[in-house]
Every structure is written in structure tokens, then in C-alpha cells.
N, C-alpha and C. Protein backbone atom coordinates (compact mmCIF):
# COMPACT_ATOMS: atom_id res chain seq x y z
N UNK A 1 139.62 72.60 61.95
CA UNK A 1 140.42 72.42 63.14
C UNK A 1 141.26 71.16 62.98
N UNK A 2 142.45 71.22 63.50
CA UNK A 2 143.36 70.09 63.47
C UNK A 2 143.28 69.37 64.82
N UNK A 3 142.37 68.43 64.94
CA UNK A 3 142.15 67.74 66.21
C UNK A 3 143.39 66.98 66.67
N UNK A 4 144.14 66.45 65.74
CA UNK A 4 145.34 65.69 66.11
C UNK A 4 146.34 66.58 66.84
N UNK A 5 146.41 67.84 66.49
CA UNK A 5 147.32 68.76 67.15
C UNK A 5 146.82 69.23 68.51
N UNK A 6 145.50 69.25 68.68
CA UNK A 6 144.90 69.71 69.93
C UNK A 6 144.76 68.57 70.93
N UNK A 7 144.34 67.42 70.45
CA UNK A 7 144.16 66.24 71.32
C UNK A 7 144.88 65.07 70.66
N UNK A 8 146.18 64.93 70.93
CA UNK A 8 146.94 63.85 70.29
C UNK A 8 146.66 62.46 70.89
N UNK A 9 146.11 62.40 72.10
CA UNK A 9 145.85 61.13 72.78
C UNK A 9 144.59 60.47 72.20
N UNK A 10 144.77 59.36 71.48
CA UNK A 10 143.64 58.66 70.87
C UNK A 10 142.72 58.00 71.89
N UNK A 11 143.15 57.93 73.15
CA UNK A 11 142.31 57.35 74.19
C UNK A 11 141.61 58.40 75.05
N UNK A 12 141.78 59.67 74.70
CA UNK A 12 141.11 60.74 75.45
C UNK A 12 139.61 60.64 75.26
N UNK A 13 138.86 60.97 76.31
CA UNK A 13 137.40 61.00 76.21
C UNK A 13 137.00 62.34 75.61
N UNK A 14 136.27 62.28 74.51
CA UNK A 14 135.83 63.49 73.81
C UNK A 14 134.31 63.45 73.72
N UNK A 15 133.67 64.50 74.23
CA UNK A 15 132.21 64.59 74.19
C UNK A 15 131.81 65.56 73.09
N UNK A 16 131.07 65.06 72.13
CA UNK A 16 130.58 65.88 71.02
C UNK A 16 129.10 66.17 71.25
N UNK A 17 128.69 67.37 70.91
CA UNK A 17 127.28 67.71 71.07
C UNK A 17 126.88 68.78 70.07
N UNK A 18 125.61 68.86 69.85
CA UNK A 18 125.02 69.92 69.03
C UNK A 18 123.71 70.30 69.71
N UNK A 19 122.90 71.07 69.05
CA UNK A 19 121.66 71.50 69.66
C UNK A 19 120.59 70.41 69.63
N UNK A 20 120.55 69.63 68.57
CA UNK A 20 119.48 68.65 68.44
C UNK A 20 119.99 67.20 68.50
N UNK A 21 120.65 66.73 67.47
CA UNK A 21 121.08 65.33 67.51
C UNK A 21 122.20 65.01 66.53
N UNK A 22 121.97 65.23 65.25
CA UNK A 22 122.80 64.62 64.22
C UNK A 22 124.24 65.09 64.14
N UNK A 23 124.54 66.35 64.34
CA UNK A 23 125.93 66.81 64.19
C UNK A 23 126.84 66.25 65.28
N UNK A 24 126.34 66.15 66.49
CA UNK A 24 127.14 65.55 67.57
C UNK A 24 127.45 64.10 67.27
N UNK A 25 126.44 63.37 66.79
CA UNK A 25 126.63 61.95 66.45
C UNK A 25 127.59 61.80 65.28
N UNK A 26 127.46 62.64 64.27
CA UNK A 26 128.36 62.58 63.12
C UNK A 26 129.79 62.93 63.52
N UNK A 27 129.95 63.91 64.39
CA UNK A 27 131.29 64.29 64.85
C UNK A 27 131.94 63.15 65.61
N UNK A 28 131.18 62.52 66.52
CA UNK A 28 131.73 61.40 67.30
C UNK A 28 132.09 60.24 66.37
N UNK A 29 131.24 59.97 65.40
CA UNK A 29 131.50 58.89 64.45
C UNK A 29 132.77 59.17 63.65
N UNK A 30 132.94 60.40 63.21
CA UNK A 30 134.14 60.78 62.46
C UNK A 30 135.39 60.63 63.32
N UNK A 31 135.30 61.08 64.56
CA UNK A 31 136.46 60.96 65.46
C UNK A 31 136.80 59.50 65.72
N UNK A 32 135.79 58.65 65.90
CA UNK A 32 136.06 57.22 66.09
C UNK A 32 136.71 56.62 64.85
N UNK A 33 136.28 57.05 63.67
CA UNK A 33 136.89 56.57 62.43
C UNK A 33 138.35 57.02 62.32
N UNK A 34 138.68 58.13 62.96
CA UNK A 34 140.05 58.64 62.97
C UNK A 34 140.90 57.97 64.05
N UNK A 35 140.28 57.10 64.85
CA UNK A 35 141.03 56.38 65.87
C UNK A 35 140.78 56.82 67.30
N UNK A 36 139.96 57.82 67.51
CA UNK A 36 139.63 58.27 68.87
C UNK A 36 138.57 57.33 69.46
N UNK A 37 139.05 56.35 70.21
CA UNK A 37 138.18 55.27 70.69
C UNK A 37 137.11 55.73 71.66
N UNK A 38 137.32 56.81 72.38
CA UNK A 38 136.38 57.24 73.41
C UNK A 38 135.58 58.48 73.03
N UNK A 39 135.39 58.71 71.75
CA UNK A 39 134.55 59.82 71.32
C UNK A 39 133.09 59.41 71.51
N UNK A 40 132.32 60.28 72.13
CA UNK A 40 130.90 59.97 72.37
C UNK A 40 130.08 61.24 72.13
N UNK A 41 128.77 61.12 72.21
CA UNK A 41 127.91 62.27 71.98
C UNK A 41 126.71 62.21 72.91
N UNK A 42 126.06 63.35 73.08
CA UNK A 42 124.84 63.43 73.88
C UNK A 42 123.68 63.09 72.96
N UNK A 43 123.04 61.95 73.21
CA UNK A 43 121.88 61.54 72.40
C UNK A 43 120.76 62.56 72.53
N UNK A 44 120.31 63.09 71.43
CA UNK A 44 119.25 64.09 71.46
C UNK A 44 119.78 65.51 71.57
N UNK A 45 121.10 65.65 71.72
CA UNK A 45 121.72 66.97 71.77
C UNK A 45 121.43 67.73 73.05
N UNK A 46 121.74 69.02 73.02
CA UNK A 46 121.56 69.86 74.20
C UNK A 46 120.09 70.02 74.57
N UNK A 47 119.21 69.97 73.58
CA UNK A 47 117.77 70.06 73.88
C UNK A 47 117.35 68.92 74.79
N UNK A 48 117.76 67.71 74.48
CA UNK A 48 117.42 66.55 75.30
C UNK A 48 118.08 66.63 76.67
N UNK A 49 119.32 67.09 76.70
CA UNK A 49 120.03 67.24 77.97
C UNK A 49 119.30 68.23 78.87
N UNK A 50 118.93 69.37 78.32
CA UNK A 50 118.22 70.39 79.11
C UNK A 50 116.88 69.86 79.60
N UNK A 51 116.15 69.16 78.76
CA UNK A 51 114.86 68.59 79.15
C UNK A 51 115.05 67.59 80.29
N UNK A 52 116.09 66.76 80.18
CA UNK A 52 116.38 65.78 81.23
C UNK A 52 116.73 66.48 82.54
N UNK A 53 117.55 67.52 82.47
CA UNK A 53 117.95 68.25 83.68
C UNK A 53 116.75 68.93 84.33
N UNK A 54 115.83 69.48 83.53
CA UNK A 54 114.63 70.12 84.05
C UNK A 54 113.74 69.09 84.74
N UNK A 55 113.54 67.95 84.09
CA UNK A 55 112.72 66.89 84.69
C UNK A 55 113.35 66.39 85.98
N UNK A 56 114.65 66.25 86.00
CA UNK A 56 115.37 65.79 87.18
C UNK A 56 115.21 66.79 88.32
N UNK A 57 115.29 68.09 88.01
CA UNK A 57 115.15 69.13 89.03
C UNK A 57 113.74 69.16 89.61
N UNK A 58 112.74 68.86 88.78
CA UNK A 58 111.35 68.88 89.24
C UNK A 58 111.04 67.70 90.15
N UNK A 59 111.85 66.63 90.09
CA UNK A 59 111.64 65.47 90.95
C UNK A 59 112.09 65.74 92.38
N UNK A 60 112.93 66.71 92.57
CA UNK A 60 113.49 66.99 93.91
C UNK A 60 112.49 67.69 94.78
């Protein structure tokens, strides 16, 4: 994919994620190296996000 053609704004917030952890982090790191200052990732991936959302829902 040509990210520069899809998101030309280097200050755009870009959220990278994968199922577990490493690919989202690697993607965000690569984007930051390319100049995308606001590239970030979900720590722990979607599995961690889902676990957090489930725990949060059980607190209600």
C-alpha cells in the first residue's frame, strides 16, 4: 500500500493494530520513521482491547 498517497498529512493520527501485539507496534514504528508523528498502536492488540472492554462492561 502507498500510505503517502492515501494519507498525505504527516500529522494525521493513525491507529495501527493487530490481533496480539507486535505487528501493530511495528507498523506504528515504521510510520513514525516515515515521518508520521502521530502513528500509535493498541498495546496488546485487539485481544487486550477486547479483554479491557469486557472487564469494563462487567464493572457496570
